[in-house]
Amino acid sequence: MTILKFNVDSSPLGAASPVPVPVGTPVPVVRTFGISPANNARTRTGVWECSPGRFRRQVKQAEFSHFLSGECSFTPDGGETLEIRPGDALFFPPNSNGVWEIRKTTRKVFMVFDEGAAPAA
């Protein structure tokens, strides 16, 4: 087994790209640094950063996130808005749909789980 280590402050984030499904303007841009285990490329952990704006969440798998900086909210479809600040942690069950509103550039550490993965032996 190889233990993967990265630094959330100094890991190089990828090139900025617009979110896939923006809601209005400005169109937020995201940058990520991600690591996937060799035996399961659909399970991924890393750092995510997003500029201000609104967009629909596109992740279908379960996700855990710990917020490091910024100010944002998430409104699940049919649910109440969750205000999110640095230090907050969230767990999104699979197929959690809704709208992100990023008010100040936000950075989080995340883990997206592959719900279809075979159980560990």
PDB file of N, CA and C in Angstrom:
ATOM      1  N   MET A   1       0.841  -1.164   0.000  1.00  0.00           N
ATOM      2  CA  MET A   1       0.000   0.000   0.000  1.00  0.00           C
ATOM      3  C   MET A   1       0.894   1.237   0.000  1.00  0.00           C
ATOM      4  N   THR A   2       0.531   2.219  -0.811  1.00  0.00           N
ATOM      5  CA  THR A   2       1.248   3.485  -0.846  1.00  0.00           C
ATOM      6  C   THR A   2       0.381   4.560  -0.205  1.00  0.00           C
ATOM      7  N   ILE A   3       0.941   5.280   0.739  1.00  0.00           N
ATOM      8  CA  ILE A   3       0.222   6.386   1.373  1.00  0.00           C
ATOM      9  C   ILE A   3       0.508   7.640   0.564  1.00  0.00           C
ATOM     10  N   LEU A   4      -0.557   8.323   0.172  1.00  0.00           N
ATOM     11  CA  LEU A   4      -0.430   9.541  -0.628  1.00  0.00           C
ATOM     12  C   LEU A   4      -0.521  10.751   0.288  1.00  0.00           C
ATOM     13  N   LYS A   5       0.417  11.693   0.136  1.00  0.00           N
ATOM     14  CA  LYS A   5       0.427  12.897   0.962  1.00  0.00           C
ATOM     15  C   LYS A   5       0.453  14.108   0.051  1.00  0.00           C
ATOM     16  N   PHE A   6      -0.344  15.120   0.405  1.00  0.00           N
ATOM     17  CA  PHE A   6      -0.280  16.394  -0.319  1.00  0.00           C
ATOM     18  C   PHE A   6      -0.568  17.517   0.664  1.00  0.00           C
ATOM     19  N   ASN A   7      -0.143  18.721   0.315  1.00  0.00           N
ATOM     20  CA  ASN A   7      -0.325  19.895   1.155  1.00  0.00           C
ATOM     21  C   ASN A   7      -1.435  20.752   0.559  1.00  0.00           C
ATOM     22  N   VAL A   8      -2.468  21.048   1.343  1.00  0.00           N
ATOM     23  CA  VAL A   8      -3.620  21.781   0.813  1.00  0.00           C
ATOM     24  C   VAL A   8      -3.283  23.224   0.458  1.00  0.00           C
ATOM     25  N   ASP A   9      -2.206  23.766   1.011  1.00  0.00           N
ATOM     26  CA  ASP A   9      -1.827  25.154   0.714  1.00  0.00           C
ATOM     27  C   ASP A   9      -0.869  25.264  -0.458  1.00  0.00           C
ATOM     28  N   SER A  10      -0.048  24.241  -0.681  1.00  0.00           N
ATOM     29  CA  SER A  10       0.980  24.384  -1.713  1.00  0.00           C
ATOM     30  C   SER A  10       0.829  23.429  -2.890  1.00  0.00           C
ATOM     31  N   SER A  11      -0.178  22.550  -2.877  1.00  0.00           N
ATOM     32  CA  SER A  11      -0.385  21.659  -4.022  1.00  0.00           C
ATOM     33  C   SER A  11      -0.776  22.496  -5.232  1.00  0.00           C
ATOM     34  N   PRO A  12      -0.160  22.242  -6.387  1.00  0.00           N
ATOM     35  CA  PRO A  12      -0.458  23.056  -7.566  1.00  0.00           C
ATOM     36  C   PRO A  12      -1.852  22.750  -8.118  1.00  0.00           C
ATOM     37  N   LEU A  13      -2.700  23.771  -8.163  1.00  0.00           N
ATOM     38  CA  LEU A  13      -4.030  23.593  -8.728  1.00  0.00           C
ATOM     39  C   LEU A  13      -3.934  23.651 -10.244  1.00  0.00           C
ATOM     40  N   GLY A  14      -4.812  22.931 -10.918  1.00  0.00           N
ATOM     41  CA  GLY A  14      -4.824  22.905 -12.376  1.00  0.00           C
ATOM     42  C   GLY A  14      -5.297  24.221 -12.958  1.00  0.00           C
ATOM     43  N   ALA A  15      -5.339  24.263 -14.283  1.00  0.00           N
ATOM     44  CA  ALA A  15      -5.787  25.454 -14.999  1.00  0.00           C
ATOM     45  C   ALA A  15      -7.249  25.749 -14.658  1.00  0.00           C
ATOM     46  N   ALA A  16      -7.580  27.023 -14.635  1.00  0.00           N
ATOM     47  CA  ALA A  16      -8.955  27.434 -14.370  1.00  0.00           C
ATOM     48  C   ALA A  16      -9.850  27.062 -15.540  1.00  0.00           C
ATOM     49  N   SER A  17     -11.038  26.553 -15.229  1.00  0.00           N
ATOM     50  CA  SER A  17     -12.012  26.242 -16.275  1.00  0.00           C
ATOM     51  C   SER A  17     -13.405  26.618 -15.773  1.00  0.00           C
ATOM     52  N   PRO A  18     -14.280  27.068 -16.677  1.00  0.00           N
ATOM     53  CA  PRO A  18     -15.629  27.455 -16.252  1.00  0.00           C
ATOM     54  C   PRO A  18     -16.417  26.243 -15.756  1.00  0.00           C
ATOM     55  N   VAL A  19     -17.317  26.476 -14.812  1.00  0.00           N
ATOM     56  CA  VAL A  19     -18.171  25.397 -14.316  1.00  0.00           C
ATOM     57  C   VAL A  19     -19.042  24.886 -15.462  1.00  0.00           C
ATOM     58  N   PRO A  20     -19.437  23.598 -15.443  1.00  0.00           N
ATOM     59  CA  PRO A  20     -20.215  23.038 -16.550  1.00  0.00           C
ATOM     60  C   PRO A  20     -21.623  23.621 -16.705  1.00  0.00           C
ATOM     61  N   VAL A  21     -22.305  23.943 -15.574  1.00  0.00           N
ATOM     62  CA  VAL A  21     -23.690  24.409 -15.664  1.00  0.00           C
ATOM     63  C   VAL A  21     -23.861  25.676 -14.807  1.00  0.00           C
ATOM     64  N   PRO A  22     -23.408  26.832 -15.343  1.00  0.00           N
ATOM     65  CA  PRO A  22     -23.552  28.076 -14.582  1.00  0.00           C
ATOM     66  C   PRO A  22     -25.022  28.488 -14.499  1.00  0.00           C
ATOM     67  N   VAL A  23     -25.321  29.259 -13.450  1.00  0.00           N
ATOM     68  CA  VAL A  23     -26.655  29.841 -13.280  1.00  0.00           C
ATOM     69  C   VAL A  23     -26.450  31.350 -13.251  1.00  0.00           C
ATOM     70  N   GLY A  24     -26.583  31.998 -14.407  1.00  0.00           N
ATOM     71  CA  GLY A  24     -26.376  33.442 -14.492  1.00  0.00           C
ATOM     72  C   GLY A  24     -24.917  33.822 -14.621  1.00  0.00           C
ATOM     73  N   THR A  25     -24.643  35.099 -14.357  1.00  0.00           N
ATOM     74  CA  THR A  25     -23.286  35.623 -14.418  1.00  0.00           C
ATOM     75  C   THR A  25     -22.957  36.260 -13.077  1.00  0.00           C
ATOM     76  N   PRO A  26     -21.700  36.334 -12.687  1.00  0.00           N
ATOM     77  CA  PRO A  26     -20.544  35.853 -13.443  1.00  0.00           C
ATOM     78  C   PRO A  26     -20.493  34.321 -13.466  1.00  0.00           C
ATOM     79  N   VAL A  27     -19.835  33.787 -14.489  1.00  0.00           N
ATOM     80  CA  VAL A  27     -19.646  32.336 -14.579  1.00  0.00           C
ATOM     81  C   VAL A  27     -18.439  31.970 -13.715  1.00  0.00           C
ATOM     82  N   PRO A  28     -18.647  31.174 -12.675  1.00  0.00           N
ATOM     83  CA  PRO A  28     -17.520  30.797 -11.819  1.00  0.00           C
ATOM     84  C   PRO A  28     -16.515  29.920 -12.566  1.00  0.00           C
ATOM     85  N   VAL A  29     -15.267  30.003 -12.138  1.00  0.00           N
ATOM     86  CA  VAL A  29     -14.240  29.111 -12.667  1.00  0.00           C
ATOM     87  C   VAL A  29     -13.686  28.287 -11.509  1.00  0.00           C
ATOM     88  N   VAL A  30     -13.336  27.039 -11.817  1.00  0.00           N
ATOM     89  CA  VAL A  30     -12.798  26.135 -10.810  1.00  0.00           C
ATOM     90  C   VAL A  30     -11.381  25.722 -11.179  1.00  0.00           C
ATOM     91  N   ARG A  31     -10.619  25.434 -10.130  1.00  0.00           N
ATOM     92  CA  ARG A  31      -9.281  24.845 -10.276  1.00  0.00           C
ATOM     93  C   ARG A  31      -9.203  23.728  -9.258  1.00  0.00           C
ATOM     94  N   THR A  32      -8.612  22.610  -9.662  1.00  0.00           N
ATOM     95  CA  THR A  32      -8.517  21.476  -8.745  1.00  0.00           C
ATOM     96  C   THR A  32      -7.136  20.831  -8.794  1.00  0.00           C
ATOM     97  N   PHE A  33      -6.840  20.142  -7.716  1.00  0.00           N
ATOM     98  CA  PHE A  33      -5.706  19.239  -7.626  1.00  0.00           C
ATOM     99  C   PHE A  33      -6.297  17.948  -7.099  1.00  0.00           C
ATOM    100  N   GLY A  34      -6.211  16.876  -7.868  1.00  0.00           N
ATOM    101  CA  GLY A  34      -6.833  15.633  -7.449  1.00  0.00           C
ATOM    102  C   GLY A  34      -5.901  14.444  -7.534  1.00  0.00           C
ATOM    103  N   ILE A  35      -6.136  13.497  -6.645  1.00  0.00           N
ATOM    104  CA  ILE A  35      -5.391  12.243  -6.614  1.00  0.00           C
ATOM    105  C   ILE A  35      -6.413  11.113  -6.648  1.00  0.00           C
ATOM    106  N   SER A  36      -6.203  10.136  -7.527  1.00  0.00           N
ATOM    107  CA  SER A  36      -7.042   8.942  -7.585  1.00  0.00           C
ATOM    108  C   SER A  36      -6.192   7.720  -7.290  1.00  0.00           C
ATOM    109  N   PRO A  37      -6.666   6.813  -6.428  1.00  0.00           N
ATOM    110  CA  PRO A  37      -5.908   5.584  -6.201  1.00  0.00           C
ATOM    111  C   PRO A  37      -5.808   4.784  -7.499  1.00  0.00           C
ATOM    112  N   ALA A  38      -4.705   4.107  -7.687  1.00  0.00           N
ATOM    113  CA  ALA A  38      -4.467   3.354  -8.920  1.00  0.00           C
ATOM    114  C   ALA A  38      -5.528   2.285  -9.160  1.00  0.00           C
ATOM    115  N   ASN A  39      -6.094   1.725  -8.105  1.00  0.00           N
ATOM    116  CA  ASN A  39      -7.062   0.640  -8.275  1.00  0.00           C
ATOM    117  C   ASN A  39      -8.504   1.124  -8.424  1.00  0.00           C
ATOM    118  N   ASN A  40      -8.744   2.451  -8.377  1.00  0.00           N
ATOM    119  CA  ASN A  40     -10.110   2.949  -8.503  1.00  0.00           C
ATOM    120  C   ASN A  40     -10.087   4.406  -8.953  1.00  0.00           C
ATOM    121  N   ALA A  41     -10.024   4.628 -10.249  1.00  0.00           N
ATOM    122  CA  ALA A  41      -9.886   5.973 -10.797  1.00  0.00           C
ATOM    123  C   ALA A  41     -11.118   6.851 -10.567  1.00  0.00           C
ATOM    124  N   ARG A  42     -12.238   6.272 -10.143  1.00  0.00           N
ATOM    125  CA  ARG A  42     -13.435   7.084  -9.906  1.00  0.00           C
ATOM    126  C   ARG A  42     -13.539   7.578  -8.465  1.00  0.00           C
ATOM    127  N   THR A  43     -12.700   7.100  -7.571  1.00  0.00           N
ATOM    128  CA  THR A  43     -12.625   7.640  -6.224  1.00  0.00           C
ATOM    129  C   THR A  43     -11.473   8.625  -6.227  1.00  0.00           C
ATOM    130  N   ARG A  44     -11.752   9.853  -5.769  1.00  0.00           N
ATOM    131  CA  ARG A  44     -10.743  10.902  -5.908  1.00  0.00           C
ATOM    132  C   ARG A  44     -10.759  11.803  -4.687  1.00  0.00           C
ATOM    133  N   THR A  45      -9.595  12.281  -4.310  1.00  0.00           N
ATOM    134  CA  THR A  45      -9.464  13.248  -3.228  1.00  0.00           C
ATOM    135  C   THR A  45      -8.567  14.379  -3.713  1.00  0.00           C
ATOM    136  N   GLY A  46      -8.673  15.526  -3.082  1.00  0.00           N
ATOM    137  CA  GLY A  46      -7.830  16.645  -3.490  1.00  0.00           C
ATOM    138  C   GLY A  46      -8.322  17.965  -2.953  1.00  0.00           C
ATOM    139  N   VAL A  47      -7.925  19.024  -3.658  1.00  0.00           N
ATOM    140  CA  VAL A  47      -8.255  20.396  -3.296  1.00  0.00           C
ATOM    141  C   VAL A  47      -9.046  21.001  -4.447  1.00  0.00           C
ATOM    142  N   TRP A  48     -10.088  21.733  -4.132  1.00  0.00           N
ATOM    143  CA  TRP A  48     -10.976  22.376  -5.109  1.00  0.00           C
ATOM    144  C   TRP A  48     -11.094  23.842  -4.737  1.00  0.00           C
ATOM    145  N   GLU A  49     -11.021  24.710  -5.740  1.00  0.00           N
ATOM    146  CA  GLU A  49     -11.162  26.148  -5.504  1.00  0.00           C
ATOM    147  C   GLU A  49     -12.090  26.716  -6.562  1.00  0.00           C
ATOM    148  N   CYS A  50     -12.988  27.621  -6.167  1.00  0.00           N
ATOM    149  CA  CYS A  50     -13.973  28.174  -7.091  1.00  0.00           C
ATOM    150  C   CYS A  50     -14.134  29.670  -6.856  1.00  0.00           C
ATOM    151  N   SER A  51     -14.224  30.428  -7.957  1.00  0.00           N
ATOM    152  CA  SER A  51     -14.440  31.871  -7.900  1.00  0.00           C
ATOM    153  C   SER A  51     -15.939  32.161  -7.727  1.00  0.00           C
ATOM    154  N   PRO A  52     -16.305  33.397  -7.395  1.00  0.00           N
ATOM    155  CA  PRO A  52     -17.706  33.745  -7.165  1.00  0.00           C
ATOM    156  C   PRO A  52     -18.620  33.518  -8.366  1.00  0.00           C
ATOM    157  N   GLY A  53     -19.870  33.157  -8.035  1.00  0.00           N
ATOM    158  CA  GLY A  53     -20.911  32.918  -9.024  1.00  0.00           C
ATOM    159  C   GLY A  53     -21.812  31.788  -8.559  1.00  0.00           C
ATOM    160  N   ARG A  54     -22.782  31.417  -9.408  1.00  0.00           N
ATOM    161  CA  ARG A  54     -23.739  30.355  -9.083  1.00  0.00           C
ATOM    162  C   ARG A  54     -23.671  29.267 -10.149  1.00  0.00           C
ATOM    163  N   PHE A  55     -23.872  27.996  -9.716  1.00  0.00           N
ATOM    164  CA  PHE A  55     -23.871  26.878 -10.660  1.00  0.00           C
ATOM    165  C   PHE A  55     -24.534  25.661 -10.053  1.00  0.00           C
ATOM    166  N   ARG A  56     -24.966  24.752 -10.926  1.00  0.00           N
ATOM    167  CA  ARG A  56     -25.574  23.496 -10.495  1.00  0.00           C
ATOM    168  C   ARG A  56     -24.494  22.474 -10.180  1.00  0.00           C
ATOM    169  N   ARG A  57     -24.678  21.755  -9.093  1.00  0.00           N
ATOM    170  CA  ARG A  57     -23.758  20.681  -8.705  1.00  0.00           C
ATOM    171  C   ARG A  57     -23.909  19.528  -9.688  1.00  0.00           C
ATOM    172  N   GLN A  58     -22.770  19.010 -10.184  1.00  0.00           N
ATOM    173  CA  GLN A  58     -22.763  17.960 -11.193  1.00  0.00           C
ATOM    174  C   GLN A  58     -22.217  16.627 -10.698  1.00  0.00           C
ATOM    175  N   VAL A  59     -21.728  16.562  -9.462  1.00  0.00           N
ATOM    176  CA  VAL A  59     -21.139  15.330  -8.929  1.00  0.00           C
ATOM    177  C   VAL A  59     -22.261  14.368  -8.566  1.00  0.00           C
ATOM    178  N   LYS A  60     -22.221  13.158  -9.108  1.00  0.00           N
ATOM    179  CA  LYS A  60     -23.270  12.163  -8.844  1.00  0.00           C
ATOM    180  C   LYS A  60     -22.912  11.230  -7.692  1.00  0.00           C
ATOM    181  N   GLN A  61     -21.620  11.057  -7.417  1.00  0.00           N
ATOM    182  CA  GLN A  61     -21.186  10.170  -6.343  1.00  0.00           C
ATOM    183  C   GLN A  61     -21.329  10.874  -4.988  1.00  0.00           C
ATOM    184  N   ALA A  62     -21.243  10.092  -3.918  1.00  0.00           N
ATOM    185  CA  ALA A  62     -21.177  10.646  -2.572  1.00  0.00           C
ATOM    186  C   ALA A  62     -19.886  11.455  -2.449  1.00  0.00           C
ATOM    187  N   GLU A  63     -19.941  12.525  -1.647  1.00  0.00           N
ATOM    188  CA  GLU A  63     -18.767  13.389  -1.490  1.00  0.00           C
ATOM    189  C   GLU A  63     -18.696  13.908  -0.062  1.00  0.00           C
ATOM    190  N   PHE A  64     -17.467  13.928   0.484  1.00  0.00           N
ATOM    191  CA  PHE A  64     -17.176  14.589   1.749  1.00  0.00           C
ATOM    192  C   PHE A  64     -16.322  15.805   1.438  1.00  0.00           C
ATOM    193  N   SER A  65     -16.636  16.947   2.044  1.00  0.00           N
ATOM    194  CA  SER A  65     -15.864  18.174   1.830  1.00  0.00           C
ATOM    195  C   SER A  65     -15.606  18.876   3.151  1.00  0.00           C
ATOM    196  N   HIS A  66     -14.381  19.397   3.305  1.00  0.00           N
ATOM    197  CA  HIS A  66     -14.020  20.236   4.449  1.00  0.00           C
ATOM    198  C   HIS A  66     -13.588  21.578   3.880  1.00  0.00           C
ATOM    199  N   PHE A  67     -14.264  22.648   4.280  1.00  0.00           N
ATOM    200  CA  PHE A  67     -14.046  23.974   3.700  1.00  0.00           C
ATOM    201  C   PHE A  67     -12.937  24.710   4.438  1.00  0.00           C
ATOM    202  N   LEU A  68     -11.971  25.209   3.662  1.00  0.00           N
ATOM    203  CA  LEU A  68     -10.775  25.850   4.207  1.00  0.00           C
ATOM    204  C   LEU A  68     -10.867  27.363   4.208  1.00  0.00           C
ATOM    205  N   SER A  69     -11.474  27.933   3.164  1.00  0.00           N
ATOM    206  CA  SER A  69     -11.562  29.389   3.053  1.00  0.00           C
ATOM    207  C   SER A  69     -12.742  29.756   2.165  1.00  0.00           C
ATOM    208  N   GLY A  70     -13.121  31.035   2.230  1.00  0.00           N
ATOM    209  CA  GLY A  70     -14.185  31.539   1.382  1.00  0.00           C
ATOM    210  C   GLY A  70     -15.510  31.653   2.092  1.00  0.00           C
ATOM    211  N   GLU A  71     -16.530  31.920   1.280  1.00  0.00           N
ATOM    212  CA  GLU A  71     -17.888  32.060   1.785  1.00  0.00           C
ATOM    213  C   GLU A  71     -18.830  31.613   0.691  1.00  0.00           C
ATOM    214  N   CYS A  72     -19.716  30.660   1.017  1.00  0.00           N
ATOM    215  CA  CYS A  72     -20.614  30.129  -0.004  1.00  0.00           C
ATOM    216  C   CYS A  72     -21.848  29.525   0.647  1.00  0.00           C
ATOM    217  N   SER A  73     -22.759  29.080  -0.201  1.00  0.00           N
ATOM    218  CA  SER A  73     -23.924  28.341   0.270  1.00  0.00           C
ATOM    219  C   SER A  73     -24.264  27.273  -0.758  1.00  0.00           C
ATOM    220  N   PHE A  74     -25.002  26.270  -0.297  1.00  0.00           N
ATOM    221  CA  PHE A  74     -25.512  25.235  -1.184  1.00  0.00           C
ATOM    222  C   PHE A  74     -26.986  25.057  -0.875  1.00  0.00           C
ATOM    223  N   THR A  75     -27.806  25.095  -1.923  1.00  0.00           N
ATOM    224  CA  THR A  75     -29.241  24.883  -1.772  1.00  0.00           C
ATOM    225  C   THR A  75     -29.618  23.593  -2.483  1.00  0.00           C
ATOM    226  N   PRO A  76     -29.900  22.518  -1.717  1.00  0.00           N
ATOM    227  CA  PRO A  76     -30.298  21.269  -2.360  1.00  0.00           C
ATOM    228  C   PRO A  76     -31.671  21.433  -2.999  1.00  0.00           C
ATOM    229  N   ASP A  77     -31.890  20.764  -4.116  1.00  0.00           N
ATOM    230  CA  ASP A  77     -33.198  20.801  -4.768  1.00  0.00           C
ATOM    231  C   ASP A  77     -34.265  20.408  -3.753  1.00  0.00           C
ATOM    232  N   GLY A  78     -35.249  21.280  -3.555  1.00  0.00           N
ATOM    233  CA  GLY A  78     -36.339  20.999  -2.639  1.00  0.00           C
ATOM    234  C   GLY A  78     -35.977  21.142  -1.171  1.00  0.00           C
ATOM    235  N   GLY A  79     -34.774  21.682  -0.868  1.00  0.00           N
ATOM    236  CA  GLY A  79     -34.337  21.785   0.525  1.00  0.00           C
ATOM    237  C   GLY A  79     -33.985  23.205   0.921  1.00  0.00           C
ATOM    238  N   GLU A  80     -33.534  23.356   2.149  1.00  0.00           N
ATOM    239  CA  GLU A  80     -33.160  24.658   2.685  1.00  0.00           C
ATOM    240  C   GLU A  80     -31.691  24.946   2.409  1.00  0.00           C
ATOM    241  N   THR A  81     -31.376  26.217   2.238  1.00  0.00           N
ATOM    242  CA  THR A  81     -30.012  26.656   1.960  1.00  0.00           C
ATOM    243  C   THR A  81     -29.103  26.395   3.156  1.00  0.00           C
ATOM    244  N   LEU A  82     -27.924  25.841   2.870  1.00  0.00           N
ATOM    245  CA  LEU A  82     -26.888  25.625   3.885  1.00  0.00           C
ATOM    246  C   LEU A  82     -25.824  26.700   3.702  1.00  0.00           C
ATOM    247  N   GLU A  83     -25.612  27.533   4.708  1.00  0.00           N
ATOM    248  CA  GLU A  83     -24.545  28.536   4.675  1.00  0.00           C
ATOM    249  C   GLU A  83     -23.244  27.850   5.088  1.00  0.00           C
ATOM    250  N   ILE A  84     -22.174  28.099   4.347  1.00  0.00           N
ATOM    251  CA  ILE A  84     -20.916  27.380   4.554  1.00  0.00           C
ATOM    252  C   ILE A  84     -19.790  28.382   4.776  1.00  0.00           C
ATOM    253  N   ARG A  85     -19.005  28.144   5.821  1.00  0.00           N
ATOM    254  CA  ARG A  85     -17.879  29.001   6.181  1.00  0.00           C
ATOM    255  C   ARG A  85     -16.634  28.123   6.393  1.00  0.00           C
ATOM    256  N   PRO A  86     -15.456  28.740   6.456  1.00  0.00           N
ATOM    257  CA  PRO A  86     -14.247  27.962   6.738  1.00  0.00           C
ATOM    258  C   PRO A  86     -14.395  27.166   8.029  1.00  0.00           C
ATOM    259  N   GLY A  87     -13.946  25.917   7.981  1.00  0.00           N
ATOM    260  CA  GLY A  87     -14.043  25.009   9.119  1.00  0.00           C
ATOM    261  C   GLY A  87     -15.237  24.080   9.036  1.00  0.00           C
ATOM    262  N   ASP A  88     -16.231  24.410   8.192  1.00  0.00           N
ATOM    263  CA  ASP A  88     -17.397  23.542   8.046  1.00  0.00           C
ATOM    264  C   ASP A  88     -17.038  22.306   7.229  1.00  0.00           C
ATOM    265  N   ALA A  89     -17.723  21.208   7.526  1.00  0.00           N
ATOM    266  CA  ALA A  89     -17.578  19.969   6.762  1.00  0.00           C
ATOM    267  C   ALA A  89     -18.974  19.508   6.356  1.00  0.00           C
ATOM    268  N   LEU A  90     -19.080  18.983   5.133  1.00  0.00           N
ATOM    269  CA  LEU A  90     -20.361  18.503   4.612  1.00  0.00           C
ATOM    270  C   LEU A  90     -20.190  17.110   4.025  1.00  0.00           C
ATOM    271  N   PHE A  91     -21.246  16.306   4.117  1.00  0.00           N
ATOM    272  CA  PHE A  91     -21.310  15.037   3.404  1.00  0.00           C
ATOM    273  C   PHE A  91     -22.508  15.111   2.469  1.00  0.00           C
ATOM    274  N   PHE A  92     -22.257  14.907   1.170  1.00  0.00           N
ATOM    275  CA  PHE A  92     -23.303  14.875   0.159  1.00  0.00           C
ATOM    276  C   PHE A  92     -23.582  13.413  -0.173  1.00  0.00           C
ATOM    277  N   PRO A  93     -24.805  12.919   0.065  1.00  0.00           N
ATOM    278  CA  PRO A  93     -25.143  11.566  -0.381  1.00  0.00           C
ATOM    279  C   PRO A  93     -25.097  11.502  -1.912  1.00  0.00           C
ATOM    280  N   PRO A  94     -25.049  10.302  -2.480  1.00  0.00           N
ATOM    281  CA  PRO A  94     -25.071  10.192  -3.942  1.00  0.00           C
ATOM    282  C   PRO A  94     -26.285  10.919  -4.522  1.00  0.00           C
ATOM    283  N   ASN A  95     -26.090  11.499  -5.701  1.00  0.00           N
ATOM    284  CA  ASN A  95     -27.149  12.208  -6.440  1.00  0.00           C
ATOM    285  C   ASN A  95     -27.705  13.412  -5.697  1.00  0.00           C
ATOM    286  N   SER A  96     -26.861  14.088  -4.905  1.00  0.00           N
ATOM    287  CA  SER A  96     -27.278  15.329  -4.249  1.00  0.00           C
ATOM    288  C   SER A  96     -27.233  16.447  -5.282  1.00  0.00           C
ATOM    289  N   ASN A  97     -28.399  16.900  -5.691  1.00  0.00           N
ATOM    290  CA  ASN A  97     -28.486  17.963  -6.689  1.00  0.00           C
ATOM    291  C   ASN A  97     -28.867  19.267  -6.022  1.00  0.00           C
ATOM    292  N   GLY A  98     -28.447  20.373  -6.639  1.00  0.00           N
ATOM    293  CA  GLY A  98     -28.784  21.675  -6.103  1.00  0.00           C
ATOM    294  C   GLY A  98     -27.906  22.741  -6.716  1.00  0.00           C
ATOM    295  N   VAL A  99     -27.920  23.924  -6.092  1.00  0.00           N
ATOM    296  CA  VAL A  99     -27.198  25.080  -6.623  1.00  0.00           C
ATOM    297  C   VAL A  99     -26.196  25.598  -5.598  1.00  0.00           C
ATOM    298  N   TRP A 100     -24.964  25.748  -6.060  1.00  0.00           N
ATOM    299  CA  TRP A 100     -23.905  26.412  -5.297  1.00  0.00           C
ATOM    300  C   TRP A 100     -23.992  27.910  -5.549  1.00  0.00           C
ATOM    301  N   GLU A 101     -23.774  28.693  -4.501  1.00  0.00           N
ATOM    302  CA  GLU A 101     -23.576  30.131  -4.648  1.00  0.00           C
ATOM    303  C   GLU A 101     -22.277  30.471  -3.934  1.00  0.00           C
ATOM    304  N   ILE A 102     -21.274  30.823  -4.713  1.00  0.00           N
ATOM    305  CA  ILE A 102     -19.965  31.178  -4.169  1.00  0.00           C
ATOM    306  C   ILE A 102     -19.915  32.704  -4.074  1.00  0.00           C
ATOM    307  N   ARG A 103     -19.796  33.236  -2.842  1.00  0.00           N
ATOM    308  CA  ARG A 103     -19.761  34.695  -2.659  1.00  0.00           C
ATOM    309  C   ARG A 103     -18.332  35.223  -2.556  1.00  0.00           C
ATOM    310  N   LYS A 104     -17.437  34.433  -1.967  1.00  0.00           N
ATOM    311  CA  LYS A 104     -16.008  34.760  -1.913  1.00  0.00           C
ATOM    312  C   LYS A 104     -15.286  33.503  -2.365  1.00  0.00           C
ATOM    313  N   THR A 105     -14.210  33.657  -3.130  1.00  0.00           N
ATOM    314  CA  THR A 105     -13.481  32.485  -3.625  1.00  0.00           C
ATOM    315  C   THR A 105     -13.348  31.468  -2.501  1.00  0.00           C
ATOM    316  N   THR A 106     -13.750  30.245  -2.802  1.00  0.00           N
ATOM    317  CA  THR A 106     -13.859  29.184  -1.806  1.00  0.00           C
ATOM    318  C   THR A 106     -12.899  28.046  -2.134  1.00  0.00           C
ATOM    319  N   ARG A 107     -12.257  27.537  -1.090  1.00  0.00           N
ATOM    320  CA  ARG A 107     -11.337  26.403  -1.236  1.00  0.00           C
ATOM    321  C   ARG A 107     -11.757  25.321  -0.258  1.00  0.00           C
ATOM    322  N   LYS A 108     -11.759  24.063  -0.746  1.00  0.00           N
ATOM    323  CA  LYS A 108     -12.118  22.937   0.106  1.00  0.00           C
ATOM    324  C   LYS A 108     -11.221  21.750  -0.203  1.00  0.00           C
ATOM    325  N   VAL A 109     -11.131  20.856   0.759  1.00  0.00           N
ATOM    326  CA  VAL A 109     -10.544  19.536   0.564  1.00  0.00           C
ATOM    327  C   VAL A 109     -11.722  18.596   0.381  1.00  0.00           C
ATOM    328  N   PHE A 110     -11.626  17.691  -0.596  1.00  0.00           N
ATOM    329  CA  PHE A 110     -12.768  16.832  -0.897  1.00  0.00           C
ATOM    330  C   PHE A 110     -12.345  15.383  -1.066  1.00  0.00           C
ATOM    331  N   MET A 111     -13.337  14.503  -0.921  1.00  0.00           N
ATOM    332  CA  MET A 111     -13.194  13.110  -1.321  1.00  0.00           C
ATOM    333  C   MET A 111     -14.506  12.712  -1.974  1.00  0.00           C
ATOM    334  N   VAL A 112     -14.424  12.290  -3.225  1.00  0.00           N
ATOM    335  CA  VAL A 112     -15.578  11.791  -3.967  1.00  0.00           C
ATOM    336  C   VAL A 112     -15.458  10.278  -3.987  1.00  0.00           C
ATOM    337  N   PHE A 113     -16.509   9.606  -3.527  1.00  0.00           N
ATOM    338  CA  PHE A 113     -16.505   8.149  -3.387  1.00  0.00           C
ATOM    339  C   PHE A 113     -17.158   7.505  -4.606  1.00  0.00           C
ATOM    340  N   ASP A 114     -16.610   6.377  -5.035  1.00  0.00           N
ATOM    341  CA  ASP A 114     -17.204   5.626  -6.129  1.00  0.00           C
ATOM    342  C   ASP A 114     -18.194   4.641  -5.548  1.00  0.00           C
ATOM    343  N   GLU A 115     -19.462   4.961  -5.667  1.00  0.00           N
ATOM    344  CA  GLU A 115     -20.493   4.097  -5.097  1.00  0.00           C
ATOM    345  C   GLU A 115     -20.537   2.723  -5.754  1.00  0.00           C
ATOM    346  N   GLY A 116     -19.992   2.605  -6.976  1.00  0.00           N
ATOM    347  CA  GLY A 116     -20.016   1.340  -7.681  1.00  0.00           C
ATOM    348  C   GLY A 116     -18.815   0.450  -7.410  1.00  0.00           C
ATOM    349  N   ALA A 117     -17.915   0.891  -6.541  1.00  0.00           N
ATOM    350  CA  ALA A 117     -16.693   0.122  -6.294  1.00  0.00           C
ATOM    351  C   ALA A 117     -17.008  -1.160  -5.515  1.00  0.00           C
ATOM    352  N   ALA A 118     -16.244  -2.188  -5.804  1.00  0.00           N
ATOM    353  CA  ALA A 118     -16.392  -3.448  -5.073  1.00  0.00           C
ATOM    354  C   ALA A 118     -15.900  -3.251  -3.638  1.00  0.00           C
ATOM    355  N   PRO A 119     -16.538  -3.874  -2.653  1.00  0.00           N
ATOM    356  CA  PRO A 119     -16.079  -3.753  -1.270  1.00  0.00           C
ATOM    357  C   PRO A 119     -14.666  -4.299  -1.117  1.00  0.00           C
ATOM    358  N   ALA A 120     -13.906  -3.684  -0.210  1.00  0.00           N
ATOM    359  CA  ALA A 120     -12.535  -4.137   0.050  1.00  0.00           C
ATOM    360  C   ALA A 120     -12.570  -5.532   0.661  1.00  0.00           C
ATOM    361  N   ALA A 121     -11.597  -6.339   0.308  1.00  0.00           N
ATOM    362  CA  ALA A 121     -11.523  -7.720   0.842  1.00  0.00           C
ATOM    363  C   ALA A 121     -10.889  -7.722   2.209  1.00  0.00           C
TER     364      ALA A 121
END
